Amino acid sequence: AVSSAPDEAHAAREGVERAAETLEAEGAALIRDGAIVTSIG
């Protein structure tokens, strides 16, 4: 799923959503350099 993303932003979003779905998490976020890149929940 993530390798099919067209760019870094889409890959980050897809990765966060897939991880949350797979592990049945209510929330997930990707953090870089002290800032939220993308989140769900």
PDB file of all heavy atoms in Angstrom:
ATOM      1  N   ALA A   1       0.824  -1.212   0.000  1.00  0.00           N
ATOM      2  CA  ALA A   1       0.000   0.000   0.000  1.00  0.00           C
ATOM      3  C   ALA A   1       0.858   1.261   0.000  1.00  0.00           C
ATOM      4  O   ALA A   1       0.627   2.176  -0.805  1.00  0.00           O
ATOM      5  CB  ALA A   1      -0.932   0.005   1.209  1.00  0.00           C
ATOM      6  N   VAL A   2       1.857   1.332   0.879  1.00  0.00           N
ATOM      7  CA  VAL A   2       2.647   2.564   0.967  1.00  0.00           C
ATOM      8  C   VAL A   2       3.567   2.735  -0.242  1.00  0.00           C
ATOM      9  O   VAL A   2       3.834   3.858  -0.682  1.00  0.00           O
ATOM     10  CB  VAL A   2       3.460   2.625   2.284  1.00  0.00           C
ATOM     11  CG1 VAL A   2       2.535   2.661   3.486  1.00  0.00           C
ATOM     12  CG2 VAL A   2       4.449   1.490   2.379  1.00  0.00           C
ATOM     13  N   SER A   3       4.050   1.618  -0.786  1.00  0.00           N
ATOM     14  CA  SER A   3       4.949   1.724  -1.938  1.00  0.00           C
ATOM     15  C   SER A   3       4.215   2.153  -3.196  1.00  0.00           C
ATOM     16  O   SER A   3       4.844   2.559  -4.178  1.00  0.00           O
ATOM     17  CB  SER A   3       5.662   0.395  -2.179  1.00  0.00           C
ATOM     18  OG  SER A   3       4.736  -0.623  -2.508  1.00  0.00           O
ATOM     19  N   SER A   4       2.891   2.063  -3.195  1.00  0.00           N
ATOM     20  CA  SER A   4       2.100   2.494  -4.351  1.00  0.00           C
ATOM     21  C   SER A   4       1.787   3.983  -4.312  1.00  0.00           C
ATOM     22  O   SER A   4       1.204   4.514  -5.261  1.00  0.00           O
ATOM     23  CB  SER A   4       0.785   1.702  -4.419  1.00  0.00           C
ATOM     24  OG  SER A   4       1.040   0.313  -4.537  1.00  0.00           O
ATOM     25  N   ALA A   5       2.158   4.646  -3.222  1.00  0.00           N
ATOM     26  CA  ALA A   5       1.860   6.077  -3.081  1.00  0.00           C
ATOM     27  C   ALA A   5       2.678   6.887  -4.090  1.00  0.00           C
ATOM     28  O   ALA A   5       3.828   6.555  -4.377  1.00  0.00           O
ATOM     29  CB  ALA A   5       2.168   6.543  -1.665  1.00  0.00           C
ATOM     30  N   PRO A   6       2.100   7.956  -4.637  1.00  0.00           N
ATOM     31  CA  PRO A   6       2.816   8.742  -5.649  1.00  0.00           C
ATOM     32  C   PRO A   6       3.894   9.660  -5.089  1.00  0.00           C
ATOM     33  O   PRO A   6       4.785  10.073  -5.815  1.00  0.00           O
ATOM     34  CB  PRO A   6       1.689   9.562  -6.308  1.00  0.00           C
ATOM     35  CG  PRO A   6       0.660   9.707  -5.230  1.00  0.00           C
ATOM     36  CD  PRO A   6       0.710   8.414  -4.448  1.00  0.00           C
ATOM     37  N   ASP A   7       3.788  10.002  -3.785  1.00  0.00           N
ATOM     38  CA  ASP A   7       4.781  10.905  -3.220  1.00  0.00           C
ATOM     39  C   ASP A   7       4.868  10.690  -1.711  1.00  0.00           C
ATOM     40  O   ASP A   7       4.138   9.880  -1.133  1.00  0.00           O
ATOM     41  CB  ASP A   7       4.453  12.369  -3.530  1.00  0.00           C
ATOM     42  CG  ASP A   7       3.025  12.746  -3.132  1.00  0.00           C
ATOM     43  OD1 ASP A   7       2.585  12.336  -2.042  1.00  0.00           O
ATOM     44  OD2 ASP A   7       2.357  13.445  -3.916  1.00  0.00           O
ATOM     45  N   GLU A   8       5.773  11.426  -1.074  1.00  0.00           N
ATOM     46  CA  GLU A   8       6.038  11.245   0.354  1.00  0.00           C
ATOM     47  C   GLU A   8       4.810  11.537   1.210  1.00  0.00           C
ATOM     48  O   GLU A   8       4.508  10.794   2.156  1.00  0.00           O
ATOM     49  CB  GLU A   8       7.189  12.157   0.770  1.00  0.00           C
ATOM     50  CG  GLU A   8       7.537  12.044   2.247  1.00  0.00           C
ATOM     51  CD  GLU A   8       8.671  12.960   2.650  1.00  0.00           C
ATOM     52  OE1 GLU A   8       9.355  13.506   1.755  1.00  0.00           O
ATOM     53  OE2 GLU A   8       8.873  13.133   3.876  1.00  0.00           O
ATOM     54  N   ALA A   9       4.073  12.591   0.899  1.00  0.00           N
ATOM     55  CA  ALA A   9       2.911  12.961   1.704  1.00  0.00           C
ATOM     56  C   ALA A   9       1.850  11.858   1.671  1.00  0.00           C
ATOM     57  O   ALA A   9       1.273  11.496   2.710  1.00  0.00           O
ATOM     58  CB  ALA A   9       2.329  14.275   1.201  1.00  0.00           C
ATOM     59  N   HIS A  10       1.588  11.324   0.492  1.00  0.00           N
ATOM     60  CA  HIS A  10       0.586  10.261   0.378  1.00  0.00           C
ATOM     61  C   HIS A  10       1.071   8.981   1.068  1.00  0.00           C
ATOM     62  O   HIS A  10       0.277   8.254   1.673  1.00  0.00           O
ATOM     63  CB  HIS A  10       0.277   9.977  -1.092  1.00  0.00           C
ATOM     64  CG  HIS A  10      -0.594  11.004  -1.737  1.00  0.00           C
ATOM     65  ND1 HIS A  10      -0.095  12.185  -2.257  1.00  0.00           N
ATOM     66  CD2 HIS A  10      -1.944  11.046  -1.934  1.00  0.00           C
ATOM     67  CE1 HIS A  10      -1.092  12.898  -2.753  1.00  0.00           C
ATOM     68  NE2 HIS A  10      -2.222  12.242  -2.575  1.00  0.00           N
ATOM     69  N   ALA A  11       2.363   8.692   0.973  1.00  0.00           N
ATOM     70  CA  ALA A  11       2.905   7.502   1.630  1.00  0.00           C
ATOM     71  C   ALA A  11       2.772   7.610   3.144  1.00  0.00           C
ATOM     72  O   ALA A  11       2.405   6.640   3.824  1.00  0.00           O
ATOM     73  CB  ALA A  11       4.373   7.319   1.239  1.00  0.00           C
ATOM     74  N   ALA A  12       3.054   8.807   3.684  1.00  0.00           N
ATOM     75  CA  ALA A  12       2.927   9.013   5.130  1.00  0.00           C
ATOM     76  C   ALA A  12       1.483   8.828   5.570  1.00  0.00           C
ATOM     77  O   ALA A  12       1.205   8.150   6.580  1.00  0.00           O
ATOM     78  CB  ALA A  12       3.430  10.409   5.506  1.00  0.00           C
ATOM     79  N   ARG A  13       0.560   9.408   4.840  1.00  0.00           N
ATOM     80  CA  ARG A  13      -0.854   9.286   5.201  1.00  0.00           C
ATOM     81  C   ARG A  13      -1.309   7.839   5.112  1.00  0.00           C
ATOM     82  O   ARG A  13      -1.997   7.326   6.009  1.00  0.00           O
ATOM     83  CB  ARG A  13      -1.688  10.154   4.243  1.00  0.00           C
ATOM     84  CG  ARG A  13      -3.188  10.169   4.558  1.00  0.00           C
ATOM     85  CD  ARG A  13      -3.464  10.903   5.848  1.00  0.00           C
ATOM     86  NE  ARG A  13      -4.872  10.890   6.199  1.00  0.00           N
ATOM     87  CZ  ARG A  13      -5.373  11.434   7.283  1.00  0.00           C
ATOM     88  NH1 ARG A  13      -4.548  12.044   8.141  1.00  0.00           N
ATOM     89  NH2 ARG A  13      -6.656  11.384   7.558  1.00  0.00           N
ATOM     90  N   GLU A  14      -0.940   7.155   4.038  1.00  0.00           N
ATOM     91  CA  GLU A  14      -1.332   5.763   3.856  1.00  0.00           C
ATOM     92  C   GLU A  14      -0.741   4.890   4.954  1.00  0.00           C
ATOM     93  O   GLU A  14      -1.402   3.980   5.487  1.00  0.00           O
ATOM     94  CB  GLU A  14      -0.862   5.267   2.486  1.00  0.00           C
ATOM     95  CG  GLU A  14      -1.326   3.872   2.119  1.00  0.00           C
ATOM     96  CD  GLU A  14      -2.813   3.768   1.855  1.00  0.00           C
ATOM     97  OE1 GLU A  14      -3.434   4.804   1.546  1.00  0.00           O
ATOM     98  OE2 GLU A  14      -3.359   2.651   1.982  1.00  0.00           O
ATOM     99  N   GLY A  15       0.528   5.153   5.323  1.00  0.00           N
ATOM    100  CA  GLY A  15       1.174   4.357   6.364  1.00  0.00           C
ATOM    101  C   GLY A  15       0.490   4.491   7.704  1.00  0.00           C
ATOM    102  O   GLY A  15       0.269   3.503   8.415  1.00  0.00           O
ATOM    103  N   VAL A  16       0.127   5.727   8.093  1.00  0.00           N
ATOM    104  CA  VAL A  16      -0.554   5.976   9.371  1.00  0.00           C
ATOM    105  C   VAL A  16      -1.918   5.293   9.388  1.00  0.00           C
ATOM    106  O   VAL A  16      -2.298   4.627  10.369  1.00  0.00           O
ATOM    107  CB  VAL A  16      -0.679   7.491   9.622  1.00  0.00           C
ATOM    108  CG1 VAL A  16      -1.652   7.776  10.761  1.00  0.00           C
ATOM    109  CG2 VAL A  16       0.689   8.092   9.940  1.00  0.00           C
ATOM    110  N   GLU A  17      -2.668   5.437   8.308  1.00  0.00           N
ATOM    111  CA  GLU A  17      -4.007   4.841   8.260  1.00  0.00           C
ATOM    112  C   GLU A  17      -3.948   3.315   8.283  1.00  0.00           C
ATOM    113  O   GLU A  17      -4.738   2.660   8.989  1.00  0.00           O
ATOM    114  CB  GLU A  17      -4.738   5.330   7.004  1.00  0.00           C
ATOM    115  CG  GLU A  17      -5.096   6.811   7.051  1.00  0.00           C
ATOM    116  CD  GLU A  17      -5.816   7.266   5.798  1.00  0.00           C
ATOM    117  OE1 GLU A  17      -5.942   6.452   4.851  1.00  0.00           O
ATOM    118  OE2 GLU A  17      -6.268   8.433   5.759  1.00  0.00           O
ATOM    119  N   ARG A  18      -3.021   2.741   7.522  1.00  0.00           N
ATOM    120  CA  ARG A  18      -2.905   1.273   7.471  1.00  0.00           C
ATOM    121  C   ARG A  18      -2.462   0.694   8.807  1.00  0.00           C
ATOM    122  O   ARG A  18      -2.941  -0.352   9.253  1.00  0.00           O
ATOM    123  CB  ARG A  18      -1.914   0.878   6.376  1.00  0.00           C
ATOM    124  CG  ARG A  18      -2.442   1.065   4.972  1.00  0.00           C
ATOM    125  CD  ARG A  18      -3.283  -0.102   4.561  1.00  0.00           C
ATOM    126  NE  ARG A  18      -3.824   0.079   3.221  1.00  0.00           N
ATOM    127  CZ  ARG A  18      -4.277  -0.909   2.466  1.00  0.00           C
ATOM    128  NH1 ARG A  18      -4.247  -2.155   2.930  1.00  0.00           N
ATOM    129  NH2 ARG A  18      -4.779  -0.679   1.276  1.00  0.00           N
ATOM    130  N   ALA A  19      -1.512   1.355   9.464  1.00  0.00           N
ATOM    131  CA  ALA A  19      -1.032   0.873  10.750  1.00  0.00           C
ATOM    132  C   ALA A  19      -2.162   0.886  11.774  1.00  0.00           C
ATOM    133  O   ALA A  19      -2.343  -0.076  12.538  1.00  0.00           O
ATOM    134  CB  ALA A  19       0.141   1.725  11.223  1.00  0.00           C
ATOM    135  N   ALA A  20      -2.936   1.979  11.788  1.00  0.00           N
ATOM    136  CA  ALA A  20      -4.045   2.075  12.740  1.00  0.00           C
ATOM    137  C   ALA A  20      -5.097   1.007  12.454  1.00  0.00           C
ATOM    138  O   ALA A  20      -5.625   0.359  13.369  1.00  0.00           O
ATOM    139  CB  ALA A  20      -4.665   3.472  12.664  1.00  0.00           C
ATOM    140  N   GLU A  21      -5.404   0.794  11.189  1.00  0.00           N
ATOM    141  CA  GLU A  21      -6.407  -0.204  10.826  1.00  0.00           C
ATOM    142  C   GLU A  21      -5.952  -1.614  11.183  1.00  0.00           C
ATOM    143  O   GLU A  21      -6.719  -2.416  11.747  1.00  0.00           O
ATOM    144  CB  GLU A  21      -6.694  -0.103   9.329  1.00  0.00           C
ATOM    145  CG  GLU A  21      -7.728  -1.100   8.830  1.00  0.00           C
ATOM    146  CD  GLU A  21      -7.933  -1.018   7.331  1.00  0.00           C
ATOM    147  OE1 GLU A  21      -7.425  -0.065   6.696  1.00  0.00           O
ATOM    148  OE2 GLU A  21      -8.578  -1.926   6.779  1.00  0.00           O
ATOM    149  N   THR A  22      -4.704  -1.930  10.864  1.00  0.00           N
ATOM    150  CA  THR A  22      -4.195  -3.286  11.102  1.00  0.00           C
ATOM    151  C   THR A  22      -4.171  -3.622  12.582  1.00  0.00           C
ATOM    152  O   THR A  22      -4.536  -4.741  12.994  1.00  0.00           O
ATOM    153  CB  THR A  22      -2.786  -3.428  10.508  1.00  0.00           C
ATOM    154  OG1 THR A  22      -2.850  -3.175   9.096  1.00  0.00           O
ATOM    155  CG2 THR A  22      -2.230  -4.828  10.751  1.00  0.00           C
ATOM    156  N   LEU A  23      -3.746  -2.663  13.410  1.00  0.00           N
ATOM    157  CA  LEU A  23      -3.592  -2.925  14.842  1.00  0.00           C
ATOM    158  C   LEU A  23      -4.782  -2.411  15.657  1.00  0.00           C
ATOM    159  O   LEU A  23      -4.701  -2.333  16.892  1.00  0.00           O
ATOM    160  CB  LEU A  23      -2.290  -2.289  15.338  1.00  0.00           C
ATOM    161  CG  LEU A  23      -1.033  -2.940  14.729  1.00  0.00           C
ATOM    162  CD1 LEU A  23       0.211  -2.143  15.066  1.00  0.00           C
ATOM    163  CD2 LEU A  23      -0.888  -4.385  15.209  1.00  0.00           C
ATOM    164  N   GLU A  24      -5.871  -2.102  14.947  1.00  0.00           N
ATOM    165  CA  GLU A  24      -7.130  -1.714  15.587  1.00  0.00           C
ATOM    166  C   GLU A  24      -6.938  -0.586  16.592  1.00  0.00           C
ATOM    167  O   GLU A  24      -7.424  -0.616  17.723  1.00  0.00           O
ATOM    168  CB  GLU A  24      -7.775  -2.933  16.267  1.00  0.00           C
ATOM    169  CG  GLU A  24      -8.097  -4.050  15.283  1.00  0.00           C
ATOM    170  CD  GLU A  24      -8.728  -5.261  15.961  1.00  0.00           C
ATOM    171  OE1 GLU A  24      -8.650  -5.348  17.201  1.00  0.00           O
ATOM    172  OE2 GLU A  24      -9.284  -6.105  15.253  1.00  0.00           O
ATOM    173  N   ALA A  25      -6.194   0.421  16.154  1.00  0.00           N
ATOM    174  CA  ALA A  25      -5.931   1.582  17.008  1.00  0.00           C
ATOM    175  C   ALA A  25      -6.906   2.705  16.668  1.00  0.00           C
ATOM    176  O   ALA A  25      -7.286   2.884  15.513  1.00  0.00           O
ATOM    177  CB  ALA A  25      -4.496   2.062  16.815  1.00  0.00           C
ATOM    178  N   GLU A  26      -7.308   3.422  17.706  1.00  0.00           N
ATOM    179  CA  GLU A  26      -8.241   4.527  17.493  1.00  0.00           C
ATOM    180  C   GLU A  26      -7.538   5.789  16.964  1.00  0.00           C
ATOM    181  O   GLU A  26      -8.171   6.643  16.356  1.00  0.00           O
ATOM    182  CB  GLU A  26      -8.960   4.887  18.793  1.00  0.00           C
ATOM    183  CG  GLU A  26     -10.112   3.948  19.165  1.00  0.00           C
ATOM    184  CD  GLU A  26      -9.632   2.581  19.627  1.00  0.00           C
ATOM    185  OE1 GLU A  26      -8.468   2.476  20.084  1.00  0.00           O
ATOM    186  OE2 GLU A  26     -10.416   1.615  19.535  1.00  0.00           O
ATOM    187  N   GLY A  27      -6.244   5.886  17.237  1.00  0.00           N
ATOM    188  CA  GLY A  27      -5.510   7.070  16.794  1.00  0.00           C
ATOM    189  C   GLY A  27      -4.095   6.704  16.383  1.00  0.00           C
ATOM    190  O   GLY A  27      -3.508   5.746  16.880  1.00  0.00           O
ATOM    191  N   ALA A  28      -3.540   7.467  15.455  1.00  0.00           N
ATOM    192  CA  ALA A  28      -2.159   7.245  15.015  1.00  0.00           C
ATOM    193  C   ALA A  28      -1.628   8.541  14.438  1.00  0.00           C
ATOM    194  O   ALA A  28      -2.381   9.381  13.941  1.00  0.00           O
ATOM    195  CB  ALA A  28      -2.095   6.131  13.972  1.00  0.00           C
ATOM    196  N   ALA A  29      -0.310   8.700  14.509  1.00  0.00           N
ATOM    197  CA  ALA A  29       0.299   9.927  13.993  1.00  0.00           C
ATOM    198  C   ALA A  29       1.729   9.669  13.575  1.00  0.00           C
ATOM    199  O   ALA A  29       2.421   8.812  14.154  1.00  0.00           O
ATOM    200  CB  ALA A  29       0.262  11.033  15.049  1.00  0.00           C
ATOM    201  N   LEU A  30       2.162  10.399  12.574  1.00  0.00           N
ATOM    202  CA  LEU A  30       3.567  10.395  12.167  1.00  0.00           C
ATOM    203  C   LEU A  30       4.156  11.730  12.590  1.00  0.00           C
ATOM    204  O   LEU A  30       3.628  12.785  12.246  1.00  0.00           O
ATOM    205  CB  LEU A  30       3.695  10.218  10.650  1.00  0.00           C
ATOM    206  CG  LEU A  30       5.127  10.248  10.092  1.00  0.00           C
ATOM    207  CD1 LEU A  30       5.958   9.110  10.673  1.00  0.00           C
ATOM    208  CD2 LEU A  30       5.114  10.170   8.573  1.00  0.00           C
ATOM    209  N   ILE A  31       5.244  11.668  13.356  1.00  0.00           N
ATOM    210  CA  ILE A  31       5.864  12.868  13.914  1.00  0.00           C
ATOM    211  C   ILE A  31       7.277  12.986  13.370  1.00  0.00           C
ATOM    212  O   ILE A  31       8.033  12.012  13.364  1.00  0.00           O
ATOM    213  CB  ILE A  31       5.889  12.801  15.453  1.00  0.00           C
ATOM    214  CG1 ILE A  31       4.444  12.718  15.986  1.00  0.00           C
ATOM    215  CG2 ILE A  31       6.614  14.007  16.037  1.00  0.00           C
ATOM    216  CD1 ILE A  31       4.369  12.474  17.468  1.00  0.00           C
ATOM    217  N   ARG A  32       7.627  14.187  12.909  1.00  0.00           N
ATOM    218  CA  ARG A  32       8.979  14.430  12.395  1.00  0.00           C
ATOM    219  C   ARG A  32       9.473  15.775  12.913  1.00  0.00           C
ATOM    220  O   ARG A  32       8.782  16.789  12.791  1.00  0.00           O
ATOM    221  CB  ARG A  32       8.986  14.415  10.866  1.00  0.00           C
ATOM    222  CG  ARG A  32      10.381  14.683  10.253  1.00  0.00           C
ATOM    223  CD  ARG A  32      10.300  14.790   8.736  1.00  0.00           C
ATOM    224  NE  ARG A  32       9.782  13.571   8.151  1.00  0.00           N
ATOM    225  CZ  ARG A  32      10.516  12.478   7.933  1.00  0.00           C
ATOM    226  NH1 ARG A  32      11.798  12.470   8.275  1.00  0.00           N
ATOM    227  NH2 ARG A  32       9.988  11.408   7.394  1.00  0.00           N
ATOM    228  N   ASP A  33      10.659  15.760  13.483  1.00  0.00           N
ATOM    229  CA  ASP A  33      11.285  16.987  13.992  1.00  0.00           C
ATOM    230  C   ASP A  33      10.357  17.779  14.909  1.00  0.00           C
ATOM    231  O   ASP A  33      10.244  19.004  14.828  1.00  0.00           O
ATOM    232  CB  ASP A  33      11.727  17.879  12.822  1.00  0.00           C
ATOM    233  CG  ASP A  33      12.820  17.234  11.986  1.00  0.00           C
ATOM    234  OD1 ASP A  33      13.659  16.519  12.560  1.00  0.00           O
ATOM    235  OD2 ASP A  33      12.821  17.438  10.759  1.00  0.00           O
ATOM    236  N   GLY A  34       9.654  17.061  15.776  1.00  0.00           N
ATOM    237  CA  GLY A  34       8.812  17.714  16.764  1.00  0.00           C
ATOM    238  C   GLY A  34       7.514  18.264  16.226  1.00  0.00           C
ATOM    239  O   GLY A  34       6.863  19.074  16.904  1.00  0.00           O
ATOM    240  N   ALA A  35       7.090  17.842  15.027  1.00  0.00           N
ATOM    241  CA  ALA A  35       5.841  18.333  14.449  1.00  0.00           C
ATOM    242  C   ALA A  35       5.029  17.168  13.902  1.00  0.00           C
ATOM    243  O   ALA A  35       5.586  16.148  13.483  1.00  0.00           O
ATOM    244  CB  ALA A  35       6.121  19.341  13.339  1.00  0.00           C
ATOM    245  N   ILE A  36       3.710  17.298  13.936  1.00  0.00           N
ATOM    246  CA  ILE A  36       2.828  16.267  13.418  1.00  0.00           C
ATOM    247  C   ILE A  36       2.794  16.365  11.890  1.00  0.00           C
ATOM    248  O   ILE A  36       2.355  17.381  11.341  1.00  0.00           O
ATOM    249  CB  ILE A  36       1.393  16.405  13.977  1.00  0.00           C
ATOM    250  CG1 ILE A  36       1.414  16.508  15.506  1.00  0.00           C
ATOM    251  CG2 ILE A  36       0.521  15.251  13.506  1.00  0.00           C
ATOM    252  CD1 ILE A  36       1.956  15.281  16.195  1.00  0.00           C
ATOM    253  N   VAL A  37       3.245  15.320  11.210  1.00  0.00           N
ATOM    254  CA  VAL A  37       3.221  15.301   9.744  1.00  0.00           C
ATOM    255  C   VAL A  37       1.825  14.953   9.255  1.00  0.00           C
ATOM    256  O   VAL A  37       1.266  15.610   8.372  1.00  0.00           O
ATOM    257  CB  VAL A  37       4.243  14.293   9.186  1.00  0.00           C
ATOM    258  CG1 VAL A  37       4.134  14.191   7.666  1.00  0.00           C
ATOM    259  CG2 VAL A  37       5.655  14.687   9.601  1.00  0.00           C
ATOM    260  N   THR A  38       1.237  13.909   9.835  1.00  0.00           N
ATOM    261  CA  THR A  38      -0.120  13.500   9.498  1.00  0.00           C
ATOM    262  C   THR A  38      -0.665  12.682  10.657  1.00  0.00           C
ATOM    263  O   THR A  38       0.099  12.077  11.421  1.00  0.00           O
ATOM    264  CB  THR A  38      -0.168  12.685   8.191  1.00  0.00           C
ATOM    265  OG1 THR A  38      -1.528  12.415   7.832  1.00  0.00           O
ATOM    266  CG2 THR A  38       0.575  11.366   8.333  1.00  0.00           C
ATOM    267  N   SER A  39      -1.996  12.668  10.809  1.00  0.00           N
ATOM    268  CA  SER A  39      -2.596  11.940  11.930  1.00  0.00           C
ATOM    269  C   SER A  39      -3.981  11.456  11.549  1.00  0.00           C
ATOM    270  O   SER A  39      -4.585  11.931  10.585  1.00  0.00           O
ATOM    271  CB  SER A  39      -2.663  12.816  13.180  1.00  0.00           C
ATOM    272  OG  SER A  39      -3.531  13.920  12.960  1.00  0.00           O
ATOM    273  N   ILE A  40      -4.484  10.509  12.358  1.00  0.00           N
ATOM    274  CA  ILE A  40      -5.831   9.989  12.173  1.00  0.00           C
ATOM    275  C   ILE A  40      -6.416   9.715  13.553  1.00  0.00           C
ATOM    276  O   ILE A  40      -5.700   9.310  14.475  1.00  0.00           O
ATOM    277  CB  ILE A  40      -5.811   8.696  11.313  1.00  0.00           C
ATOM    278  CG1 ILE A  40      -7.230   8.224  11.017  1.00  0.00           C
ATOM    279  CG2 ILE A  40      -4.996   7.602  11.967  1.00  0.00           C
ATOM    280  CD1 ILE A  40      -7.294   7.053  10.062  1.00  0.00           C
ATOM    281  N   GLY A  41      -7.717   9.958  13.733  1.00  0.00           N
ATOM    282  CA  GLY A  41      -8.381   9.672  15.003  1.00  0.00           C
ATOM    283  C   GLY A  41      -8.797  10.888  15.790  1.00  0.00           C
ATOM    284  O   GLY A  41      -9.514  10.769  16.791  1.00  0.00           O
TER     285      GLY A  41
END
